[in-house]
Protein backbone atom coordinates (compact mmCIF):
# COMPACT_ATOMS: atom_id res chain seq x y z
CA UNK A 1 0.00 0.00 0.00
CA UNK A 2 2.82 2.38 0.87
CA UNK A 3 4.47 1.68 -2.51
CA UNK A 4 1.21 2.36 -4.36
CA UNK A 5 0.66 5.56 -2.41
CA UNK A 6 4.18 6.73 -3.19
CA UNK A 7 3.73 5.99 -6.91
CA UNK A 8 0.39 7.82 -6.93
CA UNK A 9 1.97 10.81 -5.23
CA UNK A 10 4.76 10.91 -7.83
CA UNK A 11 2.23 10.74 -10.66
CA UNK A 12 0.25 13.64 -9.16
CA UNK A 13 3.44 15.65 -8.68
CA UNK A 14 4.48 15.04 -12.30
CA UNK A 15 1.05 16.07 -13.53
CA UNK A 16 1.14 19.24 -11.44
CA UNK A 17 4.64 20.08 -12.72
CA UNK A 18 3.51 19.56 -16.31
CA UNK A 19 0.52 21.84 -15.74
CA UNK A 20 2.76 24.58 -14.39
CA UNK A 21 5.18 24.15 -17.29
CA UNK A 22 2.31 24.52 -19.75
CA UNK A 23 1.37 27.84 -18.15
CA UNK A 24 4.71 29.45 -18.92
CA UNK A 25 7.70 29.23 -21.25
CA UNK A 26 11.07 30.23 -19.81
CA UNK A 27 13.19 32.10 -22.35
CA UNK A 28 16.13 32.61 -19.98
CA UNK A 29 16.70 32.25 -16.25
CA UNK A 30 20.51 32.81 -16.35
CA UNK A 31 21.09 30.10 -13.71
CA UNK A 32 23.11 27.77 -15.94
CA UNK A 33 25.18 30.63 -17.35
CA UNK A 34 26.61 32.13 -14.16
CA UNK A 35 30.13 33.44 -14.75
CA UNK A 36 29.72 33.76 -18.52
CA UNK A 37 31.08 36.97 -20.03
CA UNK A 38 30.44 38.57 -23.39
CA UNK A 39 27.71 36.89 -25.44
CA UNK A 40 26.08 34.21 -23.22
CA UNK A 41 25.74 30.62 -24.51
CA UNK A 42 22.69 30.05 -26.77
CA UNK A 43 22.48 33.77 -27.55
CA UNK A 44 23.75 35.27 -30.81
CA UNK A 45 25.66 38.43 -31.73
CA UNK A 46 24.36 41.36 -33.74
CA UNK A 47 25.43 41.78 -37.36
CA UNK A 48 26.09 45.53 -37.37
CA UNK A 49 28.25 48.18 -35.70
CA UNK A 50 31.14 47.62 -33.30
CA UNK A 51 29.62 46.10 -30.15
CA UNK A 52 31.81 45.54 -27.08
CA UNK A 53 29.48 43.09 -25.32
CA UNK A 54 30.51 44.24 -21.86
CA UNK A 55 28.14 41.65 -20.39
CA UNK A 56 28.44 39.27 -17.46
CA UNK A 57 26.03 36.71 -16.02
CA UNK A 58 26.26 37.01 -12.25
CA UNK A 59 24.41 36.80 -8.97
CA UNK A 60 23.17 40.25 -8.00
CA UNK A 61 21.18 40.92 -4.86
CA UNK A 62 20.24 37.27 -4.54
CA UNK A 63 19.16 36.63 -8.11
CA UNK A 64 20.84 35.43 -11.33
CA UNK A 65 21.14 38.32 -13.78
CA UNK A 66 22.76 39.58 -16.94
CA UNK A 67 24.77 42.71 -16.12
CA UNK A 68 25.13 44.99 -19.16
CA UNK A 69 27.42 48.01 -19.51
CA UNK A 70 27.95 50.43 -22.38
CA UNK A 71 30.45 53.25 -22.94
CA UNK A 72 29.68 55.17 -26.15
CA UNK A 73 28.65 52.00 -28.03
CA UNK A 74 25.74 49.64 -28.53
CA UNK A 75 25.48 45.89 -27.96
CA UNK A 76 22.58 43.57 -28.77
CA UNK A 77 22.16 39.83 -28.27
CA UNK A 78 19.30 37.66 -29.56
CA UNK A 79 17.77 34.28 -28.90
CA UNK A 80 15.26 32.29 -30.95
CA UNK A 81 12.00 31.45 -29.19
CA UNK A 82 9.05 29.13 -29.79
CA UNK A 83 5.93 30.33 -28.05
CA UNK A 84 2.22 30.56 -28.80
CA UNK A 85 0.78 34.05 -28.42
CA UNK A 86 -2.65 32.43 -28.01
CA UNK A 87 -1.49 30.33 -25.05
CA UNK A 88 1.25 32.42 -23.41
CA UNK A 89 1.08 36.02 -24.67
CA UNK A 90 2.36 37.74 -21.52
CA UNK A 91 6.05 38.63 -21.60
CA UNK A 92 7.46 38.90 -18.07
CA UNK A 93 10.91 40.16 -17.14
CA UNK A 94 12.68 41.92 -14.29
CA UNK A 95 15.23 44.71 -14.61
CA UNK A 96 17.18 47.27 -12.68
CA UNK A 97 18.79 50.39 -14.08
CA UNK A 98 22.11 51.63 -12.71
CA UNK A 99 23.06 54.38 -15.18
CA UNK A 100 20.84 55.86 -17.88
CA UNK A 101 22.40 57.35 -21.04
CA UNK A 102 22.41 61.11 -20.57
CA UNK A 103 19.53 62.70 -22.47
CA UNK A 104 18.52 59.49 -24.23
CA UNK A 105 15.26 59.69 -26.20
CA UNK A 106 13.89 56.63 -28.02
CA UNK A 107 11.77 58.80 -30.32
CA UNK A 108 14.68 60.89 -31.66
CA UNK A 109 17.23 59.42 -34.09
CA UNK A 110 20.12 61.49 -32.74
CA UNK A 111 19.39 60.50 -29.09
CA UNK A 112 18.21 56.90 -29.51
CA UNK A 113 19.98 55.33 -26.50
CA UNK A 114 18.60 53.20 -23.65
CA UNK A 115 20.13 51.35 -20.71
CA UNK A 116 17.43 48.70 -20.74
CA UNK A 117 15.83 47.26 -23.87
CA UNK A 118 13.99 44.01 -24.53
CA UNK A 119 12.78 43.41 -28.09
CA UNK A 120 10.25 40.91 -29.43
CA UNK A 121 10.67 40.12 -33.13
CA UNK A 122 8.14 38.82 -35.65
CA UNK A 123 10.31 37.85 -38.68
CA UNK A 124 9.06 38.51 -42.20
CA UNK A 125 11.01 37.84 -45.39
CA UNK A 126 13.35 39.50 -46.08
CA UNK A 127 13.85 39.78 -42.34
CA UNK A 128 16.47 42.54 -42.58
CA UNK A 129 13.88 45.04 -43.84
CA UNK A 130 10.38 43.67 -43.21
CA UNK A 131 10.43 42.14 -39.74
CA UNK A 132 8.19 43.65 -37.10
CA UNK A 133 9.83 44.45 -33.77
CA UNK A 134 8.39 45.82 -30.53
CA UNK A 135 11.01 47.24 -28.17
CA UNK A 136 10.11 47.59 -24.50
CA UNK A 137 12.45 50.19 -23.04
CA UNK A 138 13.38 52.18 -19.97
CA UNK A 139 13.87 55.63 -21.49
CA UNK A 140 15.90 58.49 -20.05
CA UNK A 141 13.45 61.25 -20.99
CA UNK A 142 10.33 60.03 -22.85
CA UNK A 143 7.38 59.52 -20.44
CA UNK A 144 6.22 56.02 -19.55
CA UNK A 145 3.39 54.97 -21.86
CA UNK A 146 4.90 56.62 -24.93
CA UNK A 147 4.70 54.56 -28.13
CA UNK A 148 6.76 55.73 -31.09
CA UNK A 149 8.34 54.31 -34.21
CA UNK A 150 12.13 54.32 -34.29
CA UNK A 151 13.54 57.03 -36.56
CA UNK A 152 16.48 54.72 -37.33
CA UNK A 153 14.52 51.74 -38.66
CA UNK A 154 10.86 51.40 -39.57
CA UNK A 155 10.89 47.81 -38.29
CA UNK A 156 11.06 48.89 -34.63
CA UNK A 157 8.29 50.43 -32.54
CA UNK A 158 9.23 51.47 -29.02
CA UNK A 159 7.00 51.10 -25.99
CA UNK A 160 8.34 53.12 -23.05
CA UNK A 161 7.67 51.01 -19.95
CA UNK A 162 9.56 53.18 -17.45
CA UNK A 163 11.30 56.52 -17.64
CA UNK A 164 13.79 58.77 -15.90
CA UNK A 165 16.02 58.72 -12.87
CA UNK A 166 13.47 58.48 -10.06
CA UNK A 167 13.36 54.67 -9.97
CA UNK A 168 16.97 53.96 -10.93
CA UNK A 169 18.58 51.49 -8.53
CA UNK A 170 15.35 49.55 -7.87
CA UNK A 171 14.24 46.19 -9.22
CA UNK A 172 10.96 45.99 -11.13
CA UNK A 173 9.09 43.07 -12.63
CA UNK A 174 7.24 43.98 -15.83
CA UNK A 175 4.45 42.19 -17.67
CA UNK A 176 3.26 43.03 -21.19
CA UNK A 177 0.70 41.21 -23.29
CA UNK A 178 2.59 41.17 -26.59
CA UNK A 179 -0.47 40.05 -28.56
CA UNK A 180 -2.42 43.07 -27.33
CA UNK A 181 0.50 45.42 -27.99
CA UNK A 182 0.95 43.99 -31.51
CA UNK A 183 -2.76 44.48 -32.27
CA UNK A 184 -2.63 48.06 -31.00
CA UNK A 185 0.49 48.94 -33.02
CA UNK A 186 -0.10 47.02 -36.26
CA UNK A 187 -3.91 46.80 -36.19
CA UNK A 188 -3.97 43.07 -36.87
CA UNK A 189 -3.68 39.83 -34.94
CA UNK A 190 -0.19 38.72 -33.98
CA UNK A 191 1.51 35.63 -35.32
CA UNK A 192 3.94 33.80 -33.07
CA UNK A 193 7.17 35.80 -32.54
CA UNK A 194 10.50 34.26 -33.45
CA UNK A 195 13.10 35.93 -31.26
CA UNK A 196 13.89 37.93 -28.14
CA UNK A 197 16.72 40.47 -28.07
CA UNK A 198 18.39 42.35 -25.22
CA UNK A 199 20.24 45.57 -25.86
CA UNK A 200 22.05 48.48 -24.26
CA UNK A 201 23.46 51.52 -26.04
CA UNK A 202 24.92 54.94 -25.36
CA UNK A 203 26.63 55.82 -28.64
CA UNK A 204 24.20 58.48 -29.88
CA UNK A 205 24.43 60.45 -26.63
CA UNK A 206 28.15 59.67 -26.31
CA UNK A 207 27.62 58.73 -22.68
CA UNK A 208 27.49 55.60 -20.51
CA UNK A 209 24.82 53.13 -19.44
CA UNK A 210 24.50 50.16 -17.11
CA UNK A 211 21.67 47.82 -16.17
CA UNK A 212 20.75 44.36 -14.92
CA UNK A 213 18.30 41.99 -16.60
CA UNK A 214 16.67 39.17 -14.67
CA UNK A 215 14.76 36.08 -15.88
CA UNK A 216 12.60 36.32 -19.01
CA UNK A 217 9.50 34.21 -19.68
CA UNK A 218 6.14 34.07 -21.43
CA UNK A 219 3.03 33.30 -19.37
CA UNK A 220 -0.69 32.82 -19.63
CA UNK A 221 -2.74 35.98 -19.00
C-alpha atoms as a PDB file:
ATOM      1  CA  UNK A   1       0.000   0.000   0.000  1.00  0.00           C
ATOM      2  CA  UNK A   2       2.817   2.384   0.867  1.00  0.00           C
ATOM      3  CA  UNK A   3       4.467   1.683  -2.508  1.00  0.00           C
ATOM      4  CA  UNK A   4       1.209   2.356  -4.364  1.00  0.00           C
ATOM      5  CA  UNK A   5       0.659   5.559  -2.409  1.00  0.00           C
ATOM      6  CA  UNK A   6       4.180   6.729  -3.193  1.00  0.00           C
ATOM      7  CA  UNK A   7       3.733   5.995  -6.907  1.00  0.00           C
ATOM      8  CA  UNK A   8       0.392   7.821  -6.928  1.00  0.00           C
ATOM      9  CA  UNK A   9       1.970  10.810  -5.233  1.00  0.00           C
ATOM     10  CA  UNK A  10       4.761  10.908  -7.826  1.00  0.00           C
ATOM     11  CA  UNK A  11       2.226  10.740 -10.658  1.00  0.00           C
ATOM     12  CA  UNK A  12       0.254  13.635  -9.157  1.00  0.00           C
ATOM     13  CA  UNK A  13       3.435  15.649  -8.684  1.00  0.00           C
ATOM     14  CA  UNK A  14       4.485  15.042 -12.302  1.00  0.00           C
ATOM     15  CA  UNK A  15       1.049  16.068 -13.531  1.00  0.00           C
ATOM     16  CA  UNK A  16       1.143  19.240 -11.441  1.00  0.00           C
ATOM     17  CA  UNK A  17       4.637  20.078 -12.717  1.00  0.00           C
ATOM     18  CA  UNK A  18       3.506  19.560 -16.314  1.00  0.00           C
ATOM     19  CA  UNK A  19       0.518  21.838 -15.740  1.00  0.00           C
ATOM     20  CA  UNK A  20       2.761  24.584 -14.391  1.00  0.00           C
ATOM     21  CA  UNK A  21       5.179  24.154 -17.289  1.00  0.00           C
ATOM     22  CA  UNK A  22       2.308  24.522 -19.754  1.00  0.00           C
ATOM     23  CA  UNK A  23       1.374  27.838 -18.145  1.00  0.00           C
ATOM     24  CA  UNK A  24       4.712  29.450 -18.917  1.00  0.00           C
ATOM     25  CA  UNK A  25       7.702  29.229 -21.252  1.00  0.00           C
ATOM     26  CA  UNK A  26      11.065  30.234 -19.810  1.00  0.00           C
ATOM     27  CA  UNK A  27      13.192  32.101 -22.350  1.00  0.00           C
ATOM     28  CA  UNK A  28      16.126  32.612 -19.983  1.00  0.00           C
ATOM     29  CA  UNK A  29      16.696  32.248 -16.246  1.00  0.00           C
ATOM     30  CA  UNK A  30      20.514  32.806 -16.346  1.00  0.00           C
ATOM     31  CA  UNK A  31      21.089  30.104 -13.712  1.00  0.00           C
ATOM     32  CA  UNK A  32      23.105  27.773 -15.941  1.00  0.00           C
ATOM     33  CA  UNK A  33      25.181  30.631 -17.355  1.00  0.00           C
ATOM     34  CA  UNK A  34      26.614  32.134 -14.160  1.00  0.00           C
ATOM     35  CA  UNK A  35      30.125  33.436 -14.751  1.00  0.00           C
ATOM     36  CA  UNK A  36      29.719  33.756 -18.519  1.00  0.00           C
ATOM     37  CA  UNK A  37      31.077  36.967 -20.033  1.00  0.00           C
ATOM     38  CA  UNK A  38      30.437  38.571 -23.391  1.00  0.00           C
ATOM     39  CA  UNK A  39      27.711  36.890 -25.436  1.00  0.00           C
ATOM     40  CA  UNK A  40      26.081  34.210 -23.216  1.00  0.00           C
ATOM     41  CA  UNK A  41      25.743  30.621 -24.512  1.00  0.00           C
ATOM     42  CA  UNK A  42      22.686  30.047 -26.769  1.00  0.00           C
ATOM     43  CA  UNK A  43      22.477  33.769 -27.545  1.00  0.00           C
ATOM     44  CA  UNK A  44      23.750  35.273 -30.812  1.00  0.00           C
ATOM     45  CA  UNK A  45      25.660  38.428 -31.733  1.00  0.00           C
ATOM     46  CA  UNK A  46      24.359  41.359 -33.736  1.00  0.00           C
ATOM     47  CA  UNK A  47      25.426  41.782 -37.355  1.00  0.00           C
ATOM     48  CA  UNK A  48      26.088  45.535 -37.370  1.00  0.00           C
ATOM     49  CA  UNK A  49      28.253  48.181 -35.697  1.00  0.00           C
ATOM     50  CA  UNK A  50      31.139  47.619 -33.297  1.00  0.00           C
ATOM     51  CA  UNK A  51      29.625  46.098 -30.146  1.00  0.00           C
ATOM     52  CA  UNK A  52      31.808  45.541 -27.081  1.00  0.00           C
ATOM     53  CA  UNK A  53      29.481  43.086 -25.321  1.00  0.00           C
ATOM     54  CA  UNK A  54      30.508  44.243 -21.861  1.00  0.00           C
ATOM     55  CA  UNK A  55      28.137  41.652 -20.388  1.00  0.00           C
ATOM     56  CA  UNK A  56      28.443  39.267 -17.464  1.00  0.00           C
ATOM     57  CA  UNK A  57      26.032  36.709 -16.025  1.00  0.00           C
ATOM     58  CA  UNK A  58      26.260  37.005 -12.247  1.00  0.00           C
ATOM     59  CA  UNK A  59      24.406  36.800  -8.969  1.00  0.00           C
ATOM     60  CA  UNK A  60      23.173  40.249  -7.997  1.00  0.00           C
ATOM     61  CA  UNK A  61      21.176  40.919  -4.860  1.00  0.00           C
ATOM     62  CA  UNK A  62      20.244  37.275  -4.536  1.00  0.00           C
ATOM     63  CA  UNK A  63      19.159  36.629  -8.113  1.00  0.00           C
ATOM     64  CA  UNK A  64      20.837  35.430 -11.334  1.00  0.00           C
ATOM     65  CA  UNK A  65      21.144  38.325 -13.785  1.00  0.00           C
ATOM     66  CA  UNK A  66      22.761  39.584 -16.936  1.00  0.00           C
ATOM     67  CA  UNK A  67      24.770  42.712 -16.116  1.00  0.00           C
ATOM     68  CA  UNK A  68      25.128  44.987 -19.156  1.00  0.00           C
ATOM     69  CA  UNK A  69      27.422  48.013 -19.513  1.00  0.00           C
ATOM     70  CA  UNK A  70      27.947  50.433 -22.383  1.00  0.00           C
ATOM     71  CA  UNK A  71      30.453  53.252 -22.943  1.00  0.00           C
ATOM     72  CA  UNK A  72      29.683  55.168 -26.146  1.00  0.00           C
ATOM     73  CA  UNK A  73      28.649  51.998 -28.032  1.00  0.00           C
ATOM     74  CA  UNK A  74      25.741  49.642 -28.526  1.00  0.00           C
ATOM     75  CA  UNK A  75      25.484  45.886 -27.965  1.00  0.00           C
ATOM     76  CA  UNK A  76      22.582  43.572 -28.775  1.00  0.00           C
ATOM     77  CA  UNK A  77      22.158  39.825 -28.269  1.00  0.00           C
ATOM     78  CA  UNK A  78      19.300  37.658 -29.556  1.00  0.00           C
ATOM     79  CA  UNK A  79      17.766  34.275 -28.896  1.00  0.00           C
ATOM     80  CA  UNK A  80      15.265  32.288 -30.952  1.00  0.00           C
ATOM     81  CA  UNK A  81      12.001  31.445 -29.194  1.00  0.00           C
ATOM     82  CA  UNK A  82       9.055  29.130 -29.789  1.00  0.00           C
ATOM     83  CA  UNK A  83       5.929  30.330 -28.046  1.00  0.00           C
ATOM     84  CA  UNK A  84       2.222  30.562 -28.801  1.00  0.00           C
ATOM     85  CA  UNK A  85       0.776  34.047 -28.422  1.00  0.00           C
ATOM     86  CA  UNK A  86      -2.645  32.432 -28.008  1.00  0.00           C
ATOM     87  CA  UNK A  87      -1.493  30.335 -25.047  1.00  0.00           C
ATOM     88  CA  UNK A  88       1.249  32.418 -23.405  1.00  0.00           C
ATOM     89  CA  UNK A  89       1.082  36.021 -24.668  1.00  0.00           C
ATOM     90  CA  UNK A  90       2.365  37.745 -21.521  1.00  0.00           C
ATOM     91  CA  UNK A  91       6.046  38.632 -21.595  1.00  0.00           C
ATOM     92  CA  UNK A  92       7.461  38.904 -18.066  1.00  0.00           C
ATOM     93  CA  UNK A  93      10.906  40.160 -17.138  1.00  0.00           C
ATOM     94  CA  UNK A  94      12.679  41.920 -14.288  1.00  0.00           C
ATOM     95  CA  UNK A  95      15.232  44.705 -14.612  1.00  0.00           C
ATOM     96  CA  UNK A  96      17.177  47.269 -12.676  1.00  0.00           C
ATOM     97  CA  UNK A  97      18.789  50.388 -14.076  1.00  0.00           C
ATOM     98  CA  UNK A  98      22.107  51.633 -12.706  1.00  0.00           C
ATOM     99  CA  UNK A  99      23.063  54.379 -15.182  1.00  0.00           C
ATOM    100  CA  UNK A 100      20.838  55.860 -17.884  1.00  0.00           C
ATOM    101  CA  UNK A 101      22.401  57.354 -21.041  1.00  0.00           C
ATOM    102  CA  UNK A 102      22.405  61.112 -20.568  1.00  0.00           C
ATOM    103  CA  UNK A 103      19.528  62.704 -22.469  1.00  0.00           C
ATOM    104  CA  UNK A 104      18.521  59.491 -24.232  1.00  0.00           C
ATOM    105  CA  UNK A 105      15.258  59.686 -26.203  1.00  0.00           C
ATOM    106  CA  UNK A 106      13.894  56.633 -28.024  1.00  0.00           C
ATOM    107  CA  UNK A 107      11.771  58.802 -30.324  1.00  0.00           C
ATOM    108  CA  UNK A 108      14.683  60.890 -31.664  1.00  0.00           C
ATOM    109  CA  UNK A 109      17.227  59.424 -34.087  1.00  0.00           C
ATOM    110  CA  UNK A 110      20.123  61.493 -32.742  1.00  0.00           C
ATOM    111  CA  UNK A 111      19.394  60.503 -29.093  1.00  0.00           C
ATOM    112  CA  UNK A 112      18.209  56.902 -29.507  1.00  0.00           C
ATOM    113  CA  UNK A 113      19.980  55.331 -26.497  1.00  0.00           C
ATOM    114  CA  UNK A 114      18.598  53.204 -23.652  1.00  0.00           C
ATOM    115  CA  UNK A 115      20.127  51.354 -20.714  1.00  0.00           C
ATOM    116  CA  UNK A 116      17.431  48.699 -20.740  1.00  0.00           C
ATOM    117  CA  UNK A 117      15.827  47.259 -23.867  1.00  0.00           C
ATOM    118  CA  UNK A 118      13.994  44.010 -24.534  1.00  0.00           C
ATOM    119  CA  UNK A 119      12.782  43.406 -28.090  1.00  0.00           C
ATOM    120  CA  UNK A 120      10.246  40.913 -29.433  1.00  0.00           C
ATOM    121  CA  UNK A 121      10.674  40.121 -33.133  1.00  0.00           C
ATOM    122  CA  UNK A 122       8.145  38.824 -35.651  1.00  0.00           C
ATOM    123  CA  UNK A 123      10.313  37.847 -38.678  1.00  0.00           C
ATOM    124  CA  UNK A 124       9.062  38.511 -42.197  1.00  0.00           C
ATOM    125  CA  UNK A 125      11.009  37.842 -45.393  1.00  0.00           C
ATOM    126  CA  UNK A 126      13.347  39.499 -46.076  1.00  0.00           C
ATOM    127  CA  UNK A 127      13.849  39.778 -42.337  1.00  0.00           C
ATOM    128  CA  UNK A 128      16.467  42.535 -42.585  1.00  0.00           C
ATOM    129  CA  UNK A 129      13.883  45.044 -43.843  1.00  0.00           C
ATOM    130  CA  UNK A 130      10.385  43.671 -43.207  1.00  0.00           C
ATOM    131  CA  UNK A 131      10.426  42.135 -39.741  1.00  0.00           C
ATOM    132  CA  UNK A 132       8.186  43.651 -37.098  1.00  0.00           C
ATOM    133  CA  UNK A 133       9.833  44.447 -33.767  1.00  0.00           C
ATOM    134  CA  UNK A 134       8.394  45.818 -30.533  1.00  0.00           C
ATOM    135  CA  UNK A 135      11.005  47.244 -28.173  1.00  0.00           C
ATOM    136  CA  UNK A 136      10.107  47.593 -24.501  1.00  0.00           C
ATOM    137  CA  UNK A 137      12.452  50.190 -23.039  1.00  0.00           C
ATOM    138  CA  UNK A 138      13.379  52.178 -19.966  1.00  0.00           C
ATOM    139  CA  UNK A 139      13.871  55.628 -21.485  1.00  0.00           C
ATOM    140  CA  UNK A 140      15.905  58.494 -20.054  1.00  0.00           C
ATOM    141  CA  UNK A 141      13.447  61.254 -20.990  1.00  0.00           C
ATOM    142  CA  UNK A 142      10.330  60.033 -22.848  1.00  0.00           C
ATOM    143  CA  UNK A 143       7.381  59.520 -20.440  1.00  0.00           C
ATOM    144  CA  UNK A 144       6.221  56.023 -19.554  1.00  0.00           C
ATOM    145  CA  UNK A 145       3.392  54.970 -21.856  1.00  0.00           C
ATOM    146  CA  UNK A 146       4.899  56.619 -24.931  1.00  0.00           C
ATOM    147  CA  UNK A 147       4.699  54.556 -28.126  1.00  0.00           C
ATOM    148  CA  UNK A 148       6.763  55.730 -31.086  1.00  0.00           C
ATOM    149  CA  UNK A 149       8.342  54.312 -34.213  1.00  0.00           C
ATOM    150  CA  UNK A 150      12.129  54.324 -34.290  1.00  0.00           C
ATOM    151  CA  UNK A 151      13.537  57.026 -36.558  1.00  0.00           C
ATOM    152  CA  UNK A 152      16.478  54.715 -37.334  1.00  0.00           C
ATOM    153  CA  UNK A 153      14.522  51.745 -38.662  1.00  0.00           C
ATOM    154  CA  UNK A 154      10.862  51.397 -39.571  1.00  0.00           C
ATOM    155  CA  UNK A 155      10.888  47.811 -38.289  1.00  0.00           C
ATOM    156  CA  UNK A 156      11.062  48.890 -34.628  1.00  0.00           C
ATOM    157  CA  UNK A 157       8.292  50.434 -32.544  1.00  0.00           C
ATOM    158  CA  UNK A 158       9.226  51.473 -29.021  1.00  0.00           C
ATOM    159  CA  UNK A 159       6.996  51.105 -25.987  1.00  0.00           C
ATOM    160  CA  UNK A 160       8.337  53.119 -23.051  1.00  0.00           C
ATOM    161  CA  UNK A 161       7.665  51.015 -19.951  1.00  0.00           C
ATOM    162  CA  UNK A 162       9.563  53.178 -17.452  1.00  0.00           C
ATOM    163  CA  UNK A 163      11.303  56.521 -17.638  1.00  0.00           C
ATOM    164  CA  UNK A 164      13.787  58.770 -15.904  1.00  0.00           C
ATOM    165  CA  UNK A 165      16.021  58.715 -12.867  1.00  0.00           C
ATOM    166  CA  UNK A 166      13.467  58.483 -10.063  1.00  0.00           C
ATOM    167  CA  UNK A 167      13.356  54.669  -9.971  1.00  0.00           C
ATOM    168  CA  UNK A 168      16.971  53.959 -10.930  1.00  0.00           C
ATOM    169  CA  UNK A 169      18.576  51.489  -8.525  1.00  0.00           C
ATOM    170  CA  UNK A 170      15.355  49.547  -7.871  1.00  0.00           C
ATOM    171  CA  UNK A 171      14.238  46.185  -9.220  1.00  0.00           C
ATOM    172  CA  UNK A 172      10.957  45.985 -11.129  1.00  0.00           C
ATOM    173  CA  UNK A 173       9.089  43.067 -12.635  1.00  0.00           C
ATOM    174  CA  UNK A 174       7.240  43.983 -15.829  1.00  0.00           C
ATOM    175  CA  UNK A 175       4.450  42.186 -17.672  1.00  0.00           C
ATOM    176  CA  UNK A 176       3.262  43.027 -21.187  1.00  0.00           C
ATOM    177  CA  UNK A 177       0.701  41.208 -23.294  1.00  0.00           C
ATOM    178  CA  UNK A 178       2.594  41.167 -26.595  1.00  0.00           C
ATOM    179  CA  UNK A 179      -0.466  40.051 -28.563  1.00  0.00           C
ATOM    180  CA  UNK A 180      -2.425  43.068 -27.332  1.00  0.00           C
ATOM    181  CA  UNK A 181       0.496  45.416 -27.993  1.00  0.00           C
ATOM    182  CA  UNK A 182       0.946  43.993 -31.505  1.00  0.00           C
ATOM    183  CA  UNK A 183      -2.756  44.478 -32.271  1.00  0.00           C
ATOM    184  CA  UNK A 184      -2.629  48.059 -31.004  1.00  0.00           C
ATOM    185  CA  UNK A 185       0.493  48.937 -33.016  1.00  0.00           C
ATOM    186  CA  UNK A 186      -0.103  47.018 -36.264  1.00  0.00           C
ATOM    187  CA  UNK A 187      -3.914  46.798 -36.188  1.00  0.00           C
ATOM    188  CA  UNK A 188      -3.969  43.069 -36.868  1.00  0.00           C
ATOM    189  CA  UNK A 189      -3.683  39.827 -34.939  1.00  0.00           C
ATOM    190  CA  UNK A 190      -0.191  38.723 -33.981  1.00  0.00           C
ATOM    191  CA  UNK A 191       1.505  35.628 -35.316  1.00  0.00           C
ATOM    192  CA  UNK A 192       3.945  33.800 -33.067  1.00  0.00           C
ATOM    193  CA  UNK A 193       7.167  35.801 -32.539  1.00  0.00           C
ATOM    194  CA  UNK A 194      10.504  34.259 -33.451  1.00  0.00           C
ATOM    195  CA  UNK A 195      13.100  35.931 -31.256  1.00  0.00           C
ATOM    196  CA  UNK A 196      13.889  37.930 -28.139  1.00  0.00           C
ATOM    197  CA  UNK A 197      16.719  40.473 -28.066  1.00  0.00           C
ATOM    198  CA  UNK A 198      18.387  42.350 -25.217  1.00  0.00           C
ATOM    199  CA  UNK A 199      20.237  45.570 -25.859  1.00  0.00           C
ATOM    200  CA  UNK A 200      22.052  48.476 -24.261  1.00  0.00           C
ATOM    201  CA  UNK A 201      23.459  51.519 -26.040  1.00  0.00           C
ATOM    202  CA  UNK A 202      24.922  54.937 -25.357  1.00  0.00           C
ATOM    203  CA  UNK A 203      26.626  55.824 -28.640  1.00  0.00           C
ATOM    204  CA  UNK A 204      24.201  58.481 -29.878  1.00  0.00           C
ATOM    205  CA  UNK A 205      24.426  60.450 -26.633  1.00  0.00           C
ATOM    206  CA  UNK A 206      28.153  59.665 -26.311  1.00  0.00           C
ATOM    207  CA  UNK A 207      27.622  58.730 -22.683  1.00  0.00           C
ATOM    208  CA  UNK A 208      27.491  55.602 -20.511  1.00  0.00           C
ATOM    209  CA  UNK A 209      24.819  53.132 -19.444  1.00  0.00           C
ATOM    210  CA  UNK A 210      24.497  50.164 -17.107  1.00  0.00           C
ATOM    211  CA  UNK A 211      21.669  47.820 -16.170  1.00  0.00           C
ATOM    212  CA  UNK A 212      20.748  44.361 -14.923  1.00  0.00           C
ATOM    213  CA  UNK A 213      18.297  41.992 -16.600  1.00  0.00           C
ATOM    214  CA  UNK A 214      16.668  39.170 -14.672  1.00  0.00           C
ATOM    215  CA  UNK A 215      14.761  36.080 -15.877  1.00  0.00           C
ATOM    216  CA  UNK A 216      12.604  36.323 -19.008  1.00  0.00           C
ATOM    217  CA  UNK A 217       9.499  34.212 -19.677  1.00  0.00           C
ATOM    218  CA  UNK A 218       6.138  34.075 -21.432  1.00  0.00           C
ATOM    219  CA  UNK A 219       3.034  33.304 -19.375  1.00  0.00           C
ATOM    220  CA  UNK A 220      -0.687  32.816 -19.627  1.00  0.00           C
ATOM    221  CA  UNK A 221      -2.743  35.976 -18.996  1.00  0.00           C
END
